[in-house]
Amino acid sequence: MDRGAKVAMTVALRDPGLVSALVPVDNAPVDAVLKGDFAKYVRGMKQIEEARVTKQTEANSILERYEEALPIRQFLLTNLIRDPVSKALKFRVPVQILAGALGNMGDFPFKDPDLARYDGPVLFVRGTESHYIPDELLPLIGRFFPTFEIRDIKSGHWVISEQPEAFKLAVTEFLSSKD
């Protein structure tokens, strides 16, 4: 569901002058098959909307059936907004669109690192309990982003939600070393 890292990498490769530094979080510049968790999250999100809840606590109770980790639920629930007419909570991105896009959500538009590269500073933050940046991909990452560094944080895929202080420290150290 989180496409921010892939979007940021795509922008850096398409128009490097727009990006002064890049910090992709637990994503690699490759097509990736999303874990089954994402479909499960979408089912929970659909149930929240169908229940027409008006309180975040009600939404959290529903989502708890689909995800036991509070930091991940909190991250997903940050995408709730209040419908101005019905006052019910709904997700910013329509859940039906999200559900229909799951099959392609892990895709990356660049396939050949010889045709696109970003030479600016790059920090890949990797969740050590996640599978999205395996060691085998590091040579390919280096071809797209030759100056990259990697920082491992003990977490699953949702690094920012699961380990916010460790993430903040890693990014702060990286960016302050680039001044």
N, C-alpha and C. Protein backbone atom coordinates (compact mmCIF):
# COMPACT_ATOMS: atom_id res chain seq x y z
N MET A 1 0.81 -1.18 0.00
CA MET A 1 0.00 0.00 0.00
C MET A 1 0.85 1.25 0.00
N ASP A 2 1.98 1.14 0.61
CA ASP A 2 2.78 2.33 0.66
C ASP A 2 3.60 2.39 -0.61
N ARG A 3 3.33 3.35 -1.42
CA ARG A 3 4.02 3.53 -2.69
C ARG A 3 5.00 4.70 -2.64
N GLY A 4 5.14 5.34 -1.50
CA GLY A 4 5.98 6.52 -1.42
C GLY A 4 7.41 6.28 -1.85
N ALA A 5 8.01 5.18 -1.42
CA ALA A 5 9.40 4.90 -1.76
C ALA A 5 9.57 4.68 -3.26
N LYS A 6 8.65 3.94 -3.85
CA LYS A 6 8.76 3.69 -5.29
C LYS A 6 8.52 4.97 -6.09
N VAL A 7 7.60 5.78 -5.64
CA VAL A 7 7.36 7.07 -6.31
C VAL A 7 8.60 7.95 -6.20
N ALA A 8 9.17 8.04 -5.01
CA ALA A 8 10.36 8.87 -4.81
C ALA A 8 11.53 8.38 -5.66
N MET A 9 11.75 7.06 -5.72
CA MET A 9 12.83 6.53 -6.56
C MET A 9 12.58 6.83 -8.03
N THR A 10 11.32 6.72 -8.45
CA THR A 10 10.96 7.00 -9.84
C THR A 10 11.24 8.45 -10.19
N VAL A 11 10.86 9.37 -9.32
CA VAL A 11 11.12 10.80 -9.55
C VAL A 11 12.63 11.04 -9.65
N ALA A 12 13.40 10.46 -8.73
CA ALA A 12 14.86 10.65 -8.74
C ALA A 12 15.47 10.13 -10.04
N LEU A 13 14.98 9.02 -10.54
CA LEU A 13 15.54 8.45 -11.78
C LEU A 13 15.05 9.19 -13.02
N ARG A 14 13.82 9.68 -13.00
CA ARG A 14 13.28 10.41 -14.16
C ARG A 14 13.83 11.82 -14.27
N ASP A 15 13.96 12.51 -13.13
CA ASP A 15 14.40 13.90 -13.13
C ASP A 15 15.28 14.16 -11.91
N PRO A 16 16.53 13.71 -11.95
CA PRO A 16 17.42 13.79 -10.78
C PRO A 16 17.58 15.20 -10.21
N GLY A 17 17.41 16.22 -11.01
CA GLY A 17 17.57 17.59 -10.54
C GLY A 17 16.50 18.00 -9.53
N LEU A 18 15.41 17.27 -9.46
CA LEU A 18 14.34 17.59 -8.52
C LEU A 18 14.61 17.06 -7.11
N VAL A 19 15.60 16.18 -6.98
CA VAL A 19 15.81 15.46 -5.72
C VAL A 19 17.21 15.78 -5.17
N SER A 20 17.25 16.28 -3.94
CA SER A 20 18.55 16.59 -3.33
C SER A 20 19.09 15.41 -2.52
N ALA A 21 18.23 14.57 -2.02
CA ALA A 21 18.60 13.35 -1.29
C ALA A 21 17.39 12.44 -1.28
N LEU A 22 17.63 11.16 -1.15
CA LEU A 22 16.56 10.18 -1.27
C LEU A 22 16.65 9.17 -0.12
N VAL A 23 15.51 8.87 0.50
CA VAL A 23 15.47 7.90 1.60
C VAL A 23 14.31 6.92 1.35
N PRO A 24 14.52 5.91 0.52
CA PRO A 24 13.48 4.89 0.35
C PRO A 24 13.42 3.98 1.58
N VAL A 25 12.22 3.69 2.03
CA VAL A 25 12.03 2.89 3.23
C VAL A 25 11.47 1.52 2.85
N ASP A 26 12.28 0.50 3.07
CA ASP A 26 11.93 -0.90 2.88
C ASP A 26 11.26 -1.19 1.54
N ASN A 27 11.84 -0.64 0.50
CA ASN A 27 11.42 -0.90 -0.87
C ASN A 27 12.66 -0.89 -1.74
N ALA A 28 12.65 -1.70 -2.77
CA ALA A 28 13.77 -1.76 -3.71
C ALA A 28 13.27 -1.37 -5.10
N PRO A 29 14.18 -0.96 -5.98
CA PRO A 29 13.79 -0.55 -7.33
C PRO A 29 13.56 -1.75 -8.26
N VAL A 30 12.63 -2.60 -7.88
CA VAL A 30 12.28 -3.78 -8.66
C VAL A 30 10.78 -4.03 -8.53
N ASP A 31 10.24 -4.83 -9.44
CA ASP A 31 8.88 -5.30 -9.28
C ASP A 31 8.87 -6.25 -8.09
N ALA A 32 7.90 -6.12 -7.22
CA ALA A 32 7.83 -6.97 -6.03
C ALA A 32 6.41 -7.49 -5.86
N VAL A 33 6.32 -8.74 -5.46
CA VAL A 33 5.02 -9.32 -5.15
C VAL A 33 4.69 -8.92 -3.72
N LEU A 34 3.54 -8.31 -3.53
CA LEU A 34 3.13 -7.90 -2.20
C LEU A 34 2.72 -9.11 -1.37
N LYS A 35 3.07 -9.06 -0.11
CA LYS A 35 2.66 -10.13 0.80
C LYS A 35 1.13 -10.13 0.92
N GLY A 36 0.58 -11.24 1.35
CA GLY A 36 -0.87 -11.38 1.52
C GLY A 36 -1.46 -10.42 2.52
N ASP A 37 -0.59 -9.84 3.38
CA ASP A 37 -1.08 -8.89 4.38
C ASP A 37 -1.83 -7.73 3.74
N PHE A 38 -1.39 -7.30 2.57
CA PHE A 38 -2.00 -6.13 1.94
C PHE A 38 -3.46 -6.40 1.58
N ALA A 39 -3.74 -7.57 1.03
CA ALA A 39 -5.13 -7.92 0.71
C ALA A 39 -5.96 -7.99 1.99
N LYS A 40 -5.35 -8.51 3.04
CA LYS A 40 -6.04 -8.61 4.34
C LYS A 40 -6.36 -7.20 4.85
N TYR A 41 -5.42 -6.29 4.73
CA TYR A 41 -5.66 -4.91 5.18
C TYR A 41 -6.80 -4.28 4.40
N VAL A 42 -6.84 -4.51 3.10
CA VAL A 42 -7.90 -3.94 2.27
C VAL A 42 -9.26 -4.51 2.70
N ARG A 43 -9.31 -5.78 3.03
CA ARG A 43 -10.57 -6.36 3.52
C ARG A 43 -11.02 -5.65 4.80
N GLY A 44 -10.08 -5.42 5.69
CA GLY A 44 -10.41 -4.70 6.93
C GLY A 44 -10.86 -3.29 6.66
N MET A 45 -10.20 -2.63 5.72
CA MET A 45 -10.56 -1.25 5.37
C MET A 45 -11.98 -1.21 4.77
N LYS A 46 -12.29 -2.19 3.94
CA LYS A 46 -13.65 -2.27 3.37
C LYS A 46 -14.68 -2.43 4.48
N GLN A 47 -14.36 -3.29 5.44
CA GLN A 47 -15.31 -3.52 6.53
C GLN A 47 -15.51 -2.25 7.35
N ILE A 48 -14.47 -1.48 7.55
CA ILE A 48 -14.59 -0.21 8.27
C ILE A 48 -15.57 0.71 7.54
N GLU A 49 -15.39 0.83 6.23
CA GLU A 49 -16.28 1.72 5.48
C GLU A 49 -17.72 1.19 5.45
N GLU A 50 -17.87 -0.11 5.32
CA GLU A 50 -19.23 -0.68 5.29
C GLU A 50 -19.94 -0.49 6.63
N ALA A 51 -19.18 -0.49 7.71
CA ALA A 51 -19.77 -0.32 9.05
C ALA A 51 -20.14 1.14 9.32
N ARG A 52 -19.66 2.06 8.47
CA ARG A 52 -19.96 3.49 8.58
C ARG A 52 -19.64 4.01 9.99
N VAL A 53 -18.46 3.65 10.48
CA VAL A 53 -18.05 4.07 11.82
C VAL A 53 -17.81 5.58 11.84
N THR A 54 -17.94 6.15 13.01
CA THR A 54 -17.72 7.59 13.16
C THR A 54 -16.57 7.90 14.11
N LYS A 55 -16.05 6.84 14.75
CA LYS A 55 -14.95 7.05 15.70
C LYS A 55 -13.75 6.20 15.31
N GLN A 56 -12.58 6.77 15.50
CA GLN A 56 -11.34 6.06 15.20
C GLN A 56 -11.24 4.77 16.03
N THR A 57 -11.73 4.79 17.25
CA THR A 57 -11.67 3.60 18.10
C THR A 57 -12.50 2.46 17.51
N GLU A 58 -13.62 2.81 16.89
CA GLU A 58 -14.45 1.78 16.24
C GLU A 58 -13.72 1.19 15.04
N ALA A 59 -13.08 2.05 14.27
CA ALA A 59 -12.30 1.59 13.11
C ALA A 59 -11.15 0.69 13.57
N ASN A 60 -10.48 1.09 14.64
CA ASN A 60 -9.38 0.30 15.17
C ASN A 60 -9.86 -1.08 15.62
N SER A 61 -11.03 -1.14 16.25
CA SER A 61 -11.58 -2.43 16.70
C SER A 61 -11.82 -3.36 15.53
N ILE A 62 -12.31 -2.83 14.43
CA ILE A 62 -12.54 -3.65 13.24
C ILE A 62 -11.20 -4.10 12.65
N LEU A 63 -10.27 -3.18 12.52
CA LEU A 63 -8.98 -3.51 11.90
C LEU A 63 -8.17 -4.49 12.74
N GLU A 64 -8.44 -4.50 14.03
CA GLU A 64 -7.73 -5.40 14.94
C GLU A 64 -7.96 -6.87 14.56
N ARG A 65 -9.08 -7.16 13.91
CA ARG A 65 -9.36 -8.53 13.46
C ARG A 65 -8.45 -8.94 12.30
N TYR A 66 -7.86 -7.94 11.65
CA TYR A 66 -7.03 -8.20 10.47
C TYR A 66 -5.54 -7.99 10.72
N GLU A 67 -5.21 -7.21 11.76
CA GLU A 67 -3.81 -6.92 12.08
C GLU A 67 -3.68 -6.72 13.58
N GLU A 68 -2.86 -7.55 14.21
CA GLU A 68 -2.74 -7.45 15.67
C GLU A 68 -1.76 -6.36 16.11
N ALA A 69 -0.81 -5.97 15.26
CA ALA A 69 0.20 -4.99 15.65
C ALA A 69 -0.38 -3.57 15.65
N LEU A 70 -0.40 -2.96 16.80
CA LEU A 70 -0.96 -1.61 16.94
C LEU A 70 -0.26 -0.58 16.04
N PRO A 71 1.08 -0.56 15.94
CA PRO A 71 1.70 0.45 15.08
C PRO A 71 1.25 0.37 13.61
N ILE A 72 1.03 -0.84 13.13
CA ILE A 72 0.58 -0.99 11.75
C ILE A 72 -0.86 -0.52 11.62
N ARG A 73 -1.70 -0.87 12.57
CA ARG A 73 -3.09 -0.38 12.54
C ARG A 73 -3.12 1.14 12.59
N GLN A 74 -2.32 1.71 13.46
CA GLN A 74 -2.29 3.17 13.58
C GLN A 74 -1.87 3.81 12.25
N PHE A 75 -0.88 3.22 11.60
CA PHE A 75 -0.45 3.75 10.30
C PHE A 75 -1.60 3.69 9.29
N LEU A 76 -2.26 2.55 9.20
CA LEU A 76 -3.37 2.41 8.25
C LEU A 76 -4.50 3.39 8.57
N LEU A 77 -4.77 3.58 9.85
CA LEU A 77 -5.88 4.45 10.25
C LEU A 77 -5.57 5.93 10.05
N THR A 78 -4.30 6.29 9.85
CA THR A 78 -3.99 7.70 9.56
C THR A 78 -4.57 8.13 8.22
N ASN A 79 -4.98 7.17 7.42
CA ASN A 79 -5.55 7.47 6.11
C ASN A 79 -7.06 7.69 6.14
N LEU A 80 -7.64 7.68 7.33
CA LEU A 80 -9.08 7.92 7.45
C LEU A 80 -9.39 9.41 7.42
N ILE A 81 -10.48 9.75 6.75
CA ILE A 81 -11.00 11.12 6.75
C ILE A 81 -12.50 11.04 7.02
N ARG A 82 -13.07 12.14 7.43
CA ARG A 82 -14.50 12.17 7.73
C ARG A 82 -15.27 12.65 6.50
N ASP A 83 -16.28 11.88 6.11
CA ASP A 83 -17.15 12.29 5.01
C ASP A 83 -17.96 13.49 5.48
N PRO A 84 -17.92 14.61 4.74
CA PRO A 84 -18.61 15.81 5.20
C PRO A 84 -20.13 15.68 5.27
N VAL A 85 -20.70 14.78 4.50
CA VAL A 85 -22.15 14.62 4.48
C VAL A 85 -22.61 13.62 5.54
N SER A 86 -22.08 12.41 5.46
CA SER A 86 -22.55 11.35 6.37
C SER A 86 -21.87 11.38 7.73
N LYS A 87 -20.73 12.06 7.83
CA LYS A 87 -19.90 12.11 9.05
C LYS A 87 -19.22 10.78 9.36
N ALA A 88 -19.41 9.78 8.51
CA ALA A 88 -18.73 8.49 8.69
C ALA A 88 -17.28 8.62 8.26
N LEU A 89 -16.42 7.79 8.83
CA LEU A 89 -15.02 7.76 8.44
C LEU A 89 -14.87 6.94 7.17
N LYS A 90 -14.00 7.39 6.29
CA LYS A 90 -13.69 6.66 5.06
C LYS A 90 -12.21 6.87 4.77
N PHE A 91 -11.68 6.08 3.86
CA PHE A 91 -10.26 6.19 3.54
C PHE A 91 -10.04 7.19 2.41
N ARG A 92 -8.92 7.92 2.51
CA ARG A 92 -8.58 8.94 1.51
C ARG A 92 -8.60 8.38 0.09
N VAL A 93 -7.92 7.26 -0.08
CA VAL A 93 -7.93 6.60 -1.38
C VAL A 93 -9.10 5.62 -1.36
N PRO A 94 -10.00 5.72 -2.33
CA PRO A 94 -11.14 4.80 -2.33
C PRO A 94 -10.68 3.35 -2.26
N VAL A 95 -11.24 2.61 -1.33
CA VAL A 95 -10.81 1.24 -1.06
C VAL A 95 -10.99 0.36 -2.30
N GLN A 96 -12.03 0.60 -3.09
CA GLN A 96 -12.25 -0.20 -4.30
C GLN A 96 -11.10 -0.02 -5.28
N ILE A 97 -10.61 1.21 -5.41
CA ILE A 97 -9.48 1.48 -6.31
C ILE A 97 -8.23 0.78 -5.77
N LEU A 98 -8.02 0.89 -4.49
CA LEU A 98 -6.88 0.23 -3.85
C LEU A 98 -6.94 -1.27 -4.07
N ALA A 99 -8.09 -1.86 -3.87
CA ALA A 99 -8.26 -3.31 -4.04
C ALA A 99 -7.95 -3.72 -5.48
N GLY A 100 -8.42 -2.93 -6.43
CA GLY A 100 -8.18 -3.24 -7.84
C GLY A 100 -6.74 -3.08 -8.27
N ALA A 101 -5.98 -2.27 -7.55
CA ALA A 101 -4.58 -1.99 -7.92
C ALA A 101 -3.59 -2.92 -7.23
N LEU A 102 -4.04 -3.75 -6.29
CA LEU A 102 -3.10 -4.57 -5.51
C LEU A 102 -2.18 -5.41 -6.39
N GLY A 103 -2.69 -5.92 -7.49
CA GLY A 103 -1.88 -6.78 -8.35
C GLY A 103 -0.68 -6.09 -8.95
N ASN A 104 -0.75 -4.78 -9.15
CA ASN A 104 0.36 -4.04 -9.76
C ASN A 104 1.06 -3.09 -8.80
N MET A 105 0.63 -3.06 -7.57
CA MET A 105 1.14 -2.06 -6.64
C MET A 105 2.63 -2.22 -6.34
N GLY A 106 3.16 -3.40 -6.48
CA GLY A 106 4.58 -3.61 -6.21
C GLY A 106 5.48 -3.39 -7.40
N ASP A 107 4.92 -2.96 -8.54
CA ASP A 107 5.71 -2.78 -9.76
C ASP A 107 6.62 -1.55 -9.67
N PHE A 108 7.70 -1.59 -10.45
CA PHE A 108 8.62 -0.46 -10.56
C PHE A 108 8.82 -0.19 -12.04
N PRO A 109 8.71 1.08 -12.48
CA PRO A 109 8.70 1.37 -13.92
C PRO A 109 10.05 1.22 -14.62
N PHE A 110 11.16 1.26 -13.91
CA PHE A 110 12.48 1.14 -14.54
C PHE A 110 12.97 -0.30 -14.41
N LYS A 111 13.39 -0.86 -15.53
CA LYS A 111 13.86 -2.24 -15.53
C LYS A 111 15.37 -2.33 -15.77
N ASP A 112 15.94 -1.37 -16.47
CA ASP A 112 17.34 -1.42 -16.88
C ASP A 112 18.13 -0.31 -16.20
N PRO A 113 19.00 -0.65 -15.25
CA PRO A 113 19.77 0.39 -14.54
C PRO A 113 20.81 1.08 -15.43
N ASP A 114 21.04 0.55 -16.62
CA ASP A 114 21.96 1.23 -17.53
C ASP A 114 21.29 2.42 -18.23
N LEU A 115 19.96 2.52 -18.12
CA LEU A 115 19.23 3.59 -18.78
C LEU A 115 18.80 4.71 -17.83
N ALA A 116 18.93 4.49 -16.54
CA ALA A 116 18.53 5.51 -15.57
C ALA A 116 19.35 5.34 -14.30
N ARG A 117 19.83 6.48 -13.77
CA ARG A 117 20.53 6.40 -12.50
C ARG A 117 20.47 7.74 -11.80
N TYR A 118 20.59 7.67 -10.49
CA TYR A 118 20.58 8.85 -9.64
C TYR A 118 21.87 8.83 -8.83
N ASP A 119 22.67 9.90 -8.98
CA ASP A 119 23.99 9.95 -8.33
C ASP A 119 24.00 10.73 -7.02
N GLY A 120 22.85 11.24 -6.59
CA GLY A 120 22.78 11.98 -5.34
C GLY A 120 22.83 11.04 -4.14
N PRO A 121 22.82 11.61 -2.95
CA PRO A 121 22.86 10.78 -1.74
C PRO A 121 21.57 9.98 -1.55
N VAL A 122 21.73 8.70 -1.22
CA VAL A 122 20.59 7.81 -1.05
C VAL A 122 20.82 6.93 0.18
N LEU A 123 19.81 6.88 1.04
CA LEU A 123 19.83 5.98 2.18
C LEU A 123 18.64 5.03 2.05
N PHE A 124 18.93 3.75 1.88
CA PHE A 124 17.88 2.74 1.92
C PHE A 124 17.74 2.29 3.37
N VAL A 125 16.54 2.41 3.92
CA VAL A 125 16.27 1.95 5.28
C VAL A 125 15.53 0.63 5.13
N ARG A 126 16.12 -0.41 5.73
CA ARG A 126 15.59 -1.76 5.55
C ARG A 126 15.10 -2.34 6.87
N GLY A 127 13.89 -2.87 6.86
CA GLY A 127 13.37 -3.60 8.00
C GLY A 127 13.96 -5.00 7.99
N THR A 128 14.67 -5.38 9.04
CA THR A 128 15.37 -6.67 9.05
C THR A 128 14.43 -7.87 9.07
N GLU A 129 13.18 -7.65 9.45
CA GLU A 129 12.22 -8.75 9.47
C GLU A 129 11.28 -8.71 8.26
N SER A 130 11.66 -7.93 7.28
CA SER A 130 10.89 -7.78 6.05
C SER A 130 11.65 -8.45 4.91
N HIS A 131 10.99 -8.71 3.82
CA HIS A 131 11.63 -9.38 2.68
C HIS A 131 11.81 -8.47 1.46
N TYR A 132 11.52 -7.18 1.60
CA TYR A 132 11.49 -6.32 0.41
C TYR A 132 12.84 -5.83 -0.07
N ILE A 133 13.90 -5.90 0.75
CA ILE A 133 15.24 -5.54 0.28
C ILE A 133 16.21 -6.66 0.68
N PRO A 134 16.17 -7.77 -0.03
CA PRO A 134 17.12 -8.85 0.29
C PRO A 134 18.53 -8.47 -0.16
N ASP A 135 19.52 -9.08 0.47
CA ASP A 135 20.91 -8.79 0.12
C ASP A 135 21.19 -9.00 -1.36
N GLU A 136 20.49 -9.94 -1.99
CA GLU A 136 20.73 -10.23 -3.41
C GLU A 136 20.43 -9.04 -4.31
N LEU A 137 19.61 -8.10 -3.83
CA LEU A 137 19.26 -6.93 -4.65
C LEU A 137 20.24 -5.77 -4.50
N LEU A 138 21.15 -5.84 -3.55
CA LEU A 138 22.05 -4.72 -3.30
C LEU A 138 22.89 -4.34 -4.53
N PRO A 139 23.41 -5.32 -5.31
CA PRO A 139 24.16 -4.91 -6.52
C PRO A 139 23.28 -4.15 -7.52
N LEU A 140 22.04 -4.57 -7.70
CA LEU A 140 21.13 -3.87 -8.61
C LEU A 140 20.82 -2.47 -8.08
N ILE A 141 20.57 -2.36 -6.78
CA ILE A 141 20.32 -1.05 -6.18
C ILE A 141 21.51 -0.14 -6.45
N GLY A 142 22.72 -0.67 -6.33
CA GLY A 142 23.93 0.11 -6.58
C GLY A 142 24.07 0.57 -8.03
N ARG A 143 23.49 -0.14 -8.95
CA ARG A 143 23.54 0.29 -10.35
C ARG A 143 22.58 1.46 -10.59
N PHE A 144 21.40 1.44 -9.97
CA PHE A 144 20.48 2.56 -10.09
C PHE A 144 20.94 3.75 -9.25
N PHE A 145 21.46 3.45 -8.06
CA PHE A 145 21.81 4.48 -7.07
C PHE A 145 23.23 4.22 -6.56
N PRO A 146 24.25 4.60 -7.34
CA PRO A 146 25.63 4.21 -7.03
C PRO A 146 26.18 4.74 -5.71
N THR A 147 25.61 5.78 -5.15
CA THR A 147 26.12 6.32 -3.88
C THR A 147 25.31 5.83 -2.67
N PHE A 148 24.48 4.81 -2.86
CA PHE A 148 23.57 4.44 -1.79
C PHE A 148 24.28 3.91 -0.55
N GLU A 149 23.63 4.14 0.58
CA GLU A 149 24.00 3.54 1.85
C GLU A 149 22.78 2.76 2.32
N ILE A 150 23.00 1.81 3.21
CA ILE A 150 21.87 1.06 3.74
C ILE A 150 21.93 1.06 5.26
N ARG A 151 20.78 1.19 5.87
CA ARG A 151 20.69 1.13 7.33
C ARG A 151 19.63 0.10 7.67
N ASP A 152 20.00 -0.89 8.43
CA ASP A 152 19.07 -1.92 8.88
C ASP A 152 18.47 -1.52 10.22
N ILE A 153 17.16 -1.68 10.33
CA ILE A 153 16.44 -1.41 11.58
C ILE A 153 15.62 -2.65 11.90
N LYS A 154 15.69 -3.09 13.13
CA LYS A 154 14.95 -4.29 13.55
C LYS A 154 13.45 -3.99 13.54
N SER A 155 12.81 -4.38 12.46
CA SER A 155 11.37 -4.17 12.30
C SER A 155 10.90 -4.99 11.11
N GLY A 156 9.60 -4.98 10.93
CA GLY A 156 9.02 -5.54 9.73
C GLY A 156 9.02 -4.47 8.63
N HIS A 157 8.10 -4.60 7.69
CA HIS A 157 8.04 -3.67 6.56
C HIS A 157 7.67 -2.24 6.98
N TRP A 158 6.89 -2.08 8.03
CA TRP A 158 6.39 -0.77 8.43
C TRP A 158 7.38 -0.10 9.38
N VAL A 159 8.59 0.14 8.90
CA VAL A 159 9.70 0.61 9.72
C VAL A 159 9.34 1.89 10.49
N ILE A 160 8.77 2.85 9.81
CA ILE A 160 8.48 4.15 10.44
C ILE A 160 7.48 3.99 11.58
N SER A 161 6.48 3.14 11.40
CA SER A 161 5.48 2.93 12.44
C SER A 161 5.99 2.04 13.56
N GLU A 162 6.77 1.03 13.20
CA GLU A 162 7.23 0.08 14.21
C GLU A 162 8.40 0.58 15.04
N GLN A 163 9.28 1.36 14.42
CA GLN A 163 10.49 1.84 15.11
C GLN A 163 10.71 3.32 14.78
N PRO A 164 9.80 4.20 15.17
CA PRO A 164 9.91 5.61 14.77
C PRO A 164 11.19 6.29 15.24
N GLU A 165 11.63 6.01 16.45
CA GLU A 165 12.84 6.68 16.96
C GLU A 165 14.08 6.21 16.22
N ALA A 166 14.19 4.92 15.97
CA ALA A 166 15.34 4.38 15.24
C ALA A 166 15.35 4.91 13.82
N PHE A 167 14.18 5.01 13.21
CA PHE A 167 14.08 5.56 11.85
C PHE A 167 14.52 7.02 11.85
N LYS A 168 13.99 7.81 12.77
CA LYS A 168 14.33 9.23 12.83
C LYS A 168 15.83 9.42 13.02
N LEU A 169 16.44 8.62 13.89
CA LEU A 169 17.87 8.72 14.14
C LEU A 169 18.67 8.38 12.87
N ALA A 170 18.29 7.32 12.19
CA ALA A 170 18.99 6.92 10.96
C ALA A 170 18.94 8.02 9.90
N VAL A 171 17.76 8.59 9.70
CA VAL A 171 17.59 9.62 8.68
C VAL A 171 18.31 10.91 9.08
N THR A 172 18.20 11.28 10.35
CA THR A 172 18.86 12.50 10.82
C THR A 172 20.38 12.38 10.67
N GLU A 173 20.94 11.25 11.07
CA GLU A 173 22.38 11.04 10.92
C GLU A 173 22.80 11.10 9.46
N PHE A 174 22.02 10.45 8.60
CA PHE A 174 22.34 10.42 7.17
C PHE A 174 22.30 11.83 6.58
N LEU A 175 21.22 12.56 6.83
CA LEU A 175 21.08 13.88 6.23
C LEU A 175 22.09 14.87 6.80
N SER A 176 22.38 14.79 8.09
CA SER A 176 23.35 15.73 8.67
C SER A 176 24.76 15.46 8.17
N SER A 177 25.05 14.22 7.77
CA SER A 177 26.37 13.93 7.22
C SER A 177 26.51 14.42 5.78
N LYS A 178 25.40 14.81 5.16
CA LYS A 178 25.42 15.28 3.76
C LYS A 178 25.47 16.80 3.65
N ASP A 179 25.42 17.51 4.79
CA ASP A 179 25.44 18.99 4.76
C ASP A 179 26.79 19.52 4.36
